[in-house]
PDB file of N, CA and C in Angstrom:
ATOM      1  N   MET A   1     -11.884  -5.060   9.965  1.00  0.00           N
ATOM      2  CA  MET A   1     -11.139  -5.892   8.980  1.00  0.00           C
ATOM      3  C   MET A   1     -11.093  -5.108   7.683  1.00  0.00           C
ATOM      4  N   THR A   2     -10.009  -5.315   7.021  1.00  0.00           N
ATOM      5  CA  THR A   2      -9.924  -4.213   5.709  1.00  0.00           C
ATOM      6  C   THR A   2      -9.618  -5.111   4.711  1.00  0.00           C
ATOM      7  N   VAL A   3     -10.517  -4.912   3.658  1.00  0.00           N
ATOM      8  CA  VAL A   3     -10.363  -5.683   2.287  1.00  0.00           C
ATOM      9  C   VAL A   3      -9.989  -4.616   1.199  1.00  0.00           C
ATOM     10  N   VAL A   4      -8.963  -4.967   0.410  1.00  0.00           N
ATOM     11  CA  VAL A   4      -8.764  -4.354  -0.888  1.00  0.00           C
ATOM     12  C   VAL A   4      -9.469  -4.871  -1.822  1.00  0.00           C
ATOM     13  N   PHE A   5     -10.292  -4.346  -2.485  1.00  0.00           N
ATOM     14  CA  PHE A   5     -10.998  -5.028  -3.819  1.00  0.00           C
ATOM     15  C   PHE A   5     -10.846  -4.249  -4.928  1.00  0.00           C
ATOM     16  N   VAL A   6     -10.164  -4.775  -6.054  1.00  0.00           N
ATOM     17  CA  VAL A   6      -9.989  -4.063  -7.241  1.00  0.00           C
ATOM     18  C   VAL A   6     -10.983  -4.347  -8.287  1.00  0.00           C
ATOM     19  N   THR A   7     -11.605  -3.317  -8.914  1.00  0.00           N
ATOM     20  CA  THR A   7     -12.607  -3.578  -9.957  1.00  0.00           C
ATOM     21  C   THR A   7     -12.536  -2.453 -11.049  1.00  0.00           C
ATOM     22  N   HIS A   8     -13.240  -2.711 -12.215  1.00  0.00           N
ATOM     23  CA  HIS A   8     -13.342  -1.735 -13.297  1.00  0.00           C
ATOM     24  C   HIS A   8     -14.614  -1.240 -13.356  1.00  0.00           C
ATOM     25  N   SER A   9     -15.353  -1.862 -12.649  1.00  0.00           N
ATOM     26  CA  SER A   9     -17.085  -1.401 -12.614  1.00  0.00           C
ATOM     27  C   SER A   9     -17.220  -0.499 -11.411  1.00  0.00           C
ATOM     28  N   THR A  10     -17.622   0.732 -11.886  1.00  0.00           N
ATOM     29  CA  THR A  10     -18.064   1.861 -11.064  1.00  0.00           C
ATOM     30  C   THR A  10     -19.125   1.182 -10.099  1.00  0.00           C
ATOM     31  N   ALA A  11     -20.235   0.679 -10.620  1.00  0.00           N
ATOM     32  CA  ALA A  11     -21.403   0.308  -9.877  1.00  0.00           C
ATOM     33  C   ALA A  11     -21.047  -0.847  -8.834  1.00  0.00           C
ATOM     34  N   GLU A  12     -20.201  -1.542  -9.305  1.00  0.00           N
ATOM     35  CA  GLU A  12     -19.825  -2.733  -8.231  1.00  0.00           C
ATOM     36  C   GLU A  12     -19.040  -2.198  -7.184  1.00  0.00           C
ATOM     37  N   ALA A  13     -18.144  -1.132  -7.322  1.00  0.00           N
ATOM     38  CA  ALA A  13     -17.293  -0.738  -6.383  1.00  0.00           C
ATOM     39  C   ALA A  13     -18.251   0.215  -5.546  1.00  0.00           C
ATOM     40  N   VAL A  14     -19.131   1.051  -6.183  1.00  0.00           N
ATOM     41  CA  VAL A  14     -20.166   1.546  -5.269  1.00  0.00           C
ATOM     42  C   VAL A  14     -21.006   0.845  -4.161  1.00  0.00           C
ATOM     43  N   PHE A  15     -21.541  -0.118  -4.889  1.00  0.00           N
ATOM     44  CA  PHE A  15     -22.368  -1.160  -4.026  1.00  0.00           C
ATOM     45  C   PHE A  15     -21.727  -2.034  -2.983  1.00  0.00           C
ATOM     46  N   LEU A  16     -20.468  -2.237  -3.140  1.00  0.00           N
ATOM     47  CA  LEU A  16     -19.657  -3.217  -2.265  1.00  0.00           C
ATOM     48  C   LEU A  16     -18.765  -2.293  -1.181  1.00  0.00           C
ATOM     49  N   ALA A  17     -18.391  -1.216  -1.364  1.00  0.00           N
ATOM     50  CA  ALA A  17     -17.413  -0.466  -0.750  1.00  0.00           C
ATOM     51  C   ALA A  17     -17.906   0.553   0.168  1.00  0.00           C
ATOM     52  N   ASP A  18     -17.007   0.992   1.258  1.00  0.00           N
ATOM     53  CA  ASP A  18     -17.393   2.011   2.062  1.00  0.00           C
ATOM     54  C   ASP A  18     -16.627   3.185   1.782  1.00  0.00           C
ATOM     55  N   ARG A  19     -15.456   2.860   0.635  1.00  0.00           N
ATOM     56  CA  ARG A  19     -14.778   3.970   0.263  1.00  0.00           C
ATOM     57  C   ARG A  19     -14.111   3.597  -1.220  1.00  0.00           C
ATOM     58  N   ALA A  20     -13.997   4.319  -1.994  1.00  0.00           N
ATOM     59  CA  ALA A  20     -13.600   3.945  -3.278  1.00  0.00           C
ATOM     60  C   ALA A  20     -12.359   4.957  -3.672  1.00  0.00           C
ATOM     61  N   ILE A  21     -11.238   4.426  -4.070  1.00  0.00           N
ATOM     62  CA  ILE A  21     -10.066   5.028  -4.646  1.00  0.00           C
ATOM     63  C   ILE A  21      -9.688   4.898  -5.907  1.00  0.00           C
ATOM     64  N   VAL A  22      -9.656   6.058  -6.638  1.00  0.00           N
ATOM     65  CA  VAL A  22      -9.560   5.806  -8.167  1.00  0.00           C
ATOM     66  C   VAL A  22      -7.974   6.304  -8.447  1.00  0.00           C
ATOM     67  N   LEU A  23      -7.447   5.512  -9.208  1.00  0.00           N
ATOM     68  CA  LEU A  23      -5.899   5.599  -9.341  1.00  0.00           C
ATOM     69  C   LEU A  23      -5.862   6.190 -10.881  1.00  0.00           C
ATOM     70  N   SER A  24      -4.652   6.771 -11.034  1.00  0.00           N
ATOM     71  CA  SER A  24      -4.389   7.395 -12.369  1.00  0.00           C
ATOM     72  C   SER A  24      -3.491   6.176 -12.977  1.00  0.00           C
ATOM     73  N   PRO A  25      -3.256   6.386 -14.285  1.00  0.00           N
ATOM     74  CA  PRO A  25      -2.491   5.327 -15.077  1.00  0.00           C
ATOM     75  C   PRO A  25      -0.855   5.518 -14.529  1.00  0.00           C
ATOM     76  N   ARG A  26      -0.087   4.528 -15.230  1.00  0.00           N
ATOM     77  CA  ARG A  26       1.195   4.452 -14.703  1.00  0.00           C
ATOM     78  C   ARG A  26       1.945   5.874 -14.605  1.00  0.00           C
ATOM     79  N   PRO A  27       2.574   6.123 -13.584  1.00  0.00           N
ATOM     80  CA  PRO A  27       2.641   5.353 -12.211  1.00  0.00           C
ATOM     81  C   PRO A  27       1.278   5.652 -11.510  1.00  0.00           C
ATOM     82  N   GLY A  28       0.922   4.671 -10.822  1.00  0.00           N
ATOM     83  CA  GLY A  28      -0.575   4.809 -10.200  1.00  0.00           C
ATOM     84  C   GLY A  28      -0.547   5.718  -9.122  1.00  0.00           C
ATOM     85  N   GLN A  29      -1.286   6.832  -9.158  1.00  0.00           N
ATOM     86  CA  GLN A  29      -1.370   7.692  -8.008  1.00  0.00           C
ATOM     87  C   GLN A  29      -2.748   7.880  -7.693  1.00  0.00           C
ATOM     88  N   ILE A  30      -3.080   8.144  -6.505  1.00  0.00           N
ATOM     89  CA  ILE A  30      -4.434   8.487  -6.073  1.00  0.00           C
ATOM     90  C   ILE A  30      -5.000   9.761  -6.725  1.00  0.00           C
ATOM     91  N   VAL A  31      -6.174   9.480  -7.564  1.00  0.00           N
ATOM     92  CA  VAL A  31      -6.767  10.944  -8.148  1.00  0.00           C
ATOM     93  C   VAL A  31      -7.902  11.184  -7.453  1.00  0.00           C
ATOM     94  N   HIS A  32      -8.851  10.309  -6.830  1.00  0.00           N
ATOM     95  CA  HIS A  32      -9.803  10.646  -5.999  1.00  0.00           C
ATOM     96  C   HIS A  32      -9.989   9.450  -5.039  1.00  0.00           C
ATOM     97  N   ASP A  33     -10.557  10.089  -3.886  1.00  0.00           N
ATOM     98  CA  ASP A  33     -10.747   9.173  -2.628  1.00  0.00           C
ATOM     99  C   ASP A  33     -12.118   9.724  -2.298  1.00  0.00           C
ATOM    100  N   ALA A  34     -12.999   8.724  -2.468  1.00  0.00           N
ATOM    101  CA  ALA A  34     -14.439   9.146  -2.029  1.00  0.00           C
ATOM    102  C   ALA A  34     -15.097   8.093  -1.186  1.00  0.00           C
ATOM    103  N   PRO A  35     -15.549   8.736  -0.114  1.00  0.00           N
ATOM    104  CA  PRO A  35     -16.361   7.759   0.926  1.00  0.00           C
ATOM    105  C   PRO A  35     -17.619   7.414   0.299  1.00  0.00           C
ATOM    106  N   ILE A  36     -18.175   6.281   0.437  1.00  0.00           N
ATOM    107  CA  ILE A  36     -19.299   5.905  -0.170  1.00  0.00           C
ATOM    108  C   ILE A  36     -20.510   5.915   1.120  1.00  0.00           C
ATOM    109  N   ASP A  37     -21.350   7.098   0.863  1.00  0.00           N
ATOM    110  CA  ASP A  37     -22.227   7.359   1.987  1.00  0.00           C
ATOM    111  C   ASP A  37     -23.671   6.631   1.455  1.00  0.00           C
ATOM    112  N   LEU A  38     -23.669   5.406   1.873  1.00  0.00           N
ATOM    113  CA  LEU A  38     -24.937   4.602   1.726  1.00  0.00           C
ATOM    114  C   LEU A  38     -25.146   3.658   2.795  1.00  0.00           C
ATOM    115  N   PRO A  39     -26.272   3.313   3.048  1.00  0.00           N
ATOM    116  CA  PRO A  39     -26.567   2.347   4.108  1.00  0.00           C
ATOM    117  C   PRO A  39     -25.850   1.082   4.181  1.00  0.00           C
ATOM    118  N   GLU A  40     -25.339   0.700   5.215  1.00  0.00           N
ATOM    119  CA  GLU A  40     -24.440  -0.495   5.395  1.00  0.00           C
ATOM    120  C   GLU A  40     -25.154  -1.760   4.620  1.00  0.00           C
ATOM    121  N   GLU A  41     -26.349  -1.956   5.198  1.00  0.00           N
ATOM    122  CA  GLU A  41     -26.963  -3.015   4.445  1.00  0.00           C
ATOM    123  C   GLU A  41     -27.526  -2.718   3.027  1.00  0.00           C
ATOM    124  N   ARG A  42     -27.092  -3.350   2.064  1.00  0.00           N
ATOM    125  CA  ARG A  42     -27.426  -3.034   0.624  1.00  0.00           C
ATOM    126  C   ARG A  42     -28.167  -4.286   0.023  1.00  0.00           C
ATOM    127  N   THR A  43     -29.189  -3.674  -0.751  1.00  0.00           N
ATOM    128  CA  THR A  43     -29.924  -5.054  -1.362  1.00  0.00           C
ATOM    129  C   THR A  43     -29.823  -4.297  -2.660  1.00  0.00           C
ATOM    130  N   GLY A  44     -30.351  -5.082  -3.685  1.00  0.00           N
ATOM    131  CA  GLY A  44     -30.429  -4.911  -5.438  1.00  0.00           C
ATOM    132  C   GLY A  44     -31.234  -3.337  -5.511  1.00  0.00           C
ATOM    133  N   ALA A  45     -32.180  -3.327  -4.580  1.00  0.00           N
ATOM    134  CA  ALA A  45     -33.136  -2.071  -4.620  1.00  0.00           C
ATOM    135  C   ALA A  45     -32.300  -0.897  -4.615  1.00  0.00           C
ATOM    136  N   LEU A  46     -31.323  -0.810  -3.969  1.00  0.00           N
ATOM    137  CA  LEU A  46     -30.466   0.423  -3.795  1.00  0.00           C
ATOM    138  C   LEU A  46     -29.849   0.944  -5.113  1.00  0.00           C
ATOM    139  N   ARG A  47     -29.508   0.035  -6.128  1.00  0.00           N
ATOM    140  CA  ARG A  47     -29.024   0.539  -7.273  1.00  0.00           C
ATOM    141  C   ARG A  47     -30.138   1.348  -8.090  1.00  0.00           C
ATOM    142  N   ALA A  48     -31.236   1.445  -7.850  1.00  0.00           N
ATOM    143  CA  ALA A  48     -32.298   2.289  -8.607  1.00  0.00           C
ATOM    144  C   ALA A  48     -32.542   3.500  -7.759  1.00  0.00           C
ATOM    145  N   THR A  49     -31.827   3.894  -6.665  1.00  0.00           N
ATOM    146  CA  THR A  49     -32.079   5.189  -5.901  1.00  0.00           C
ATOM    147  C   THR A  49     -31.081   6.199  -6.480  1.00  0.00           C
ATOM    148  N   PRO A  50     -31.724   7.383  -6.308  1.00  0.00           N
ATOM    149  CA  PRO A  50     -30.827   8.615  -6.874  1.00  0.00           C
ATOM    150  C   PRO A  50     -29.343   8.624  -5.953  1.00  0.00           C
ATOM    151  N   GLN A  51     -29.386   8.382  -4.850  1.00  0.00           N
ATOM    152  CA  GLN A  51     -28.105   8.254  -4.108  1.00  0.00           C
ATOM    153  C   GLN A  51     -27.119   7.398  -4.589  1.00  0.00           C
ATOM    154  N   PHE A  52     -27.651   6.187  -5.021  1.00  0.00           N
ATOM    155  CA  PHE A  52     -26.584   5.190  -5.757  1.00  0.00           C
ATOM    156  C   PHE A  52     -26.118   5.927  -6.779  1.00  0.00           C
ATOM    157  N   ALA A  53     -26.974   6.366  -7.786  1.00  0.00           N
ATOM    158  CA  ALA A  53     -26.851   7.056  -9.076  1.00  0.00           C
ATOM    159  C   ALA A  53     -25.726   8.151  -8.827  1.00  0.00           C
ATOM    160  N   ALA A  54     -25.937   9.093  -7.590  1.00  0.00           N
ATOM    161  CA  ALA A  54     -24.784  10.268  -7.483  1.00  0.00           C
ATOM    162  C   ALA A  54     -23.401   9.721  -7.165  1.00  0.00           C
ATOM    163  N   GLN A  55     -23.494   8.746  -6.358  1.00  0.00           N
ATOM    164  CA  GLN A  55     -22.243   8.143  -5.810  1.00  0.00           C
ATOM    165  C   GLN A  55     -21.347   7.419  -7.073  1.00  0.00           C
ATOM    166  N   THR A  56     -22.084   6.627  -7.904  1.00  0.00           N
ATOM    167  CA  THR A  56     -21.688   6.060  -9.137  1.00  0.00           C
ATOM    168  C   THR A  56     -21.080   7.123 -10.257  1.00  0.00           C
ATOM    169  N   ARG A  57     -21.669   8.303 -10.100  1.00  0.00           N
ATOM    170  CA  ARG A  57     -21.537   9.363 -11.019  1.00  0.00           C
ATOM    171  C   ARG A  57     -20.070  10.082 -10.615  1.00  0.00           C
ATOM    172  N   SER A  58     -20.042  10.264  -9.286  1.00  0.00           N
ATOM    173  CA  SER A  58     -19.075  11.092  -8.925  1.00  0.00           C
ATOM    174  C   SER A  58     -17.585  10.301  -9.081  1.00  0.00           C
ATOM    175  N   ILE A  59     -17.746   8.817  -8.831  1.00  0.00           N
ATOM    176  CA  ILE A  59     -16.531   7.899  -9.159  1.00  0.00           C
ATOM    177  C   ILE A  59     -16.126   8.044 -10.713  1.00  0.00           C
ATOM    178  N   TYR A  60     -17.231   7.849 -11.544  1.00  0.00           N
ATOM    179  CA  TYR A  60     -16.969   7.847 -13.108  1.00  0.00           C
ATOM    180  C   TYR A  60     -16.576   9.305 -13.543  1.00  0.00           C
ATOM    181  N   GLU A  61     -16.834  10.431 -12.843  1.00  0.00           N
ATOM    182  CA  GLU A  61     -16.276  11.660 -13.317  1.00  0.00           C
ATOM    183  C   GLU A  61     -14.933  11.768 -12.822  1.00  0.00           C
ATOM    184  N   ALA A  62     -14.398  11.204 -11.613  1.00  0.00           N
ATOM    185  CA  ALA A  62     -13.196  11.115 -11.294  1.00  0.00           C
ATOM    186  C   ALA A  62     -12.248  10.230 -12.343  1.00  0.00           C
ATOM    187  N   LEU A  63     -12.891   9.345 -12.773  1.00  0.00           N
ATOM    188  CA  LEU A  63     -12.083   8.642 -13.853  1.00  0.00           C
ATOM    189  C   LEU A  63     -11.886   9.308 -15.102  1.00  0.00           C
ATOM    190  N   GLU A  64     -12.809  10.083 -15.512  1.00  0.00           N
ATOM    191  CA  GLU A  64     -12.970  10.980 -16.789  1.00  0.00           C
ATOM    192  C   GLU A  64     -11.795  11.946 -16.579  1.00  0.00           C
ATOM    193  N   ARG A  65     -11.490  12.428 -15.272  1.00  0.00           N
ATOM    194  CA  ARG A  65     -10.748  13.625 -14.988  1.00  0.00           C
ATOM    195  C   ARG A  65      -9.194  12.929 -14.983  1.00  0.00           C
ATOM    196  N   GLY A  66      -9.062  11.936 -15.023  1.00  0.00           N
ATOM    197  CA  GLY A  66      -7.656  11.402 -14.981  1.00  0.00           C
ATOM    198  C   GLY A  66      -7.277  10.076 -14.588  1.00  0.00           C
ATOM    199  N   GLY A  67      -8.356   9.318 -14.202  1.00  0.00           N
ATOM    200  CA  GLY A  67      -7.977   8.013 -13.627  1.00  0.00           C
ATOM    201  C   GLY A  67      -8.004   6.750 -14.604  1.00  0.00           C
ATOM    202  N   GLN A  68      -8.314   7.073 -15.855  1.00  0.00           N
ATOM    203  CA  GLN A  68      -8.311   5.990 -16.983  1.00  0.00           C
ATOM    204  C   GLN A  68      -6.966   5.948 -17.451  1.00  0.00           C
TER     205      GLN A  68
END
């Protein structure tokens, strides 16, 4: 099953997704396509790990480069 979930929260995207795509402003183009390499089963404790922080930072940096 494929689900498209749109959010402005990088932490939410990393926590819920297997893949995150950052779009540019109009016209919307893909700026960054990132696989989320975290365990399939995710608990709240995952948010305190260095791996979660690194994935979130990667998405945030893509937004700074041109996705905002």
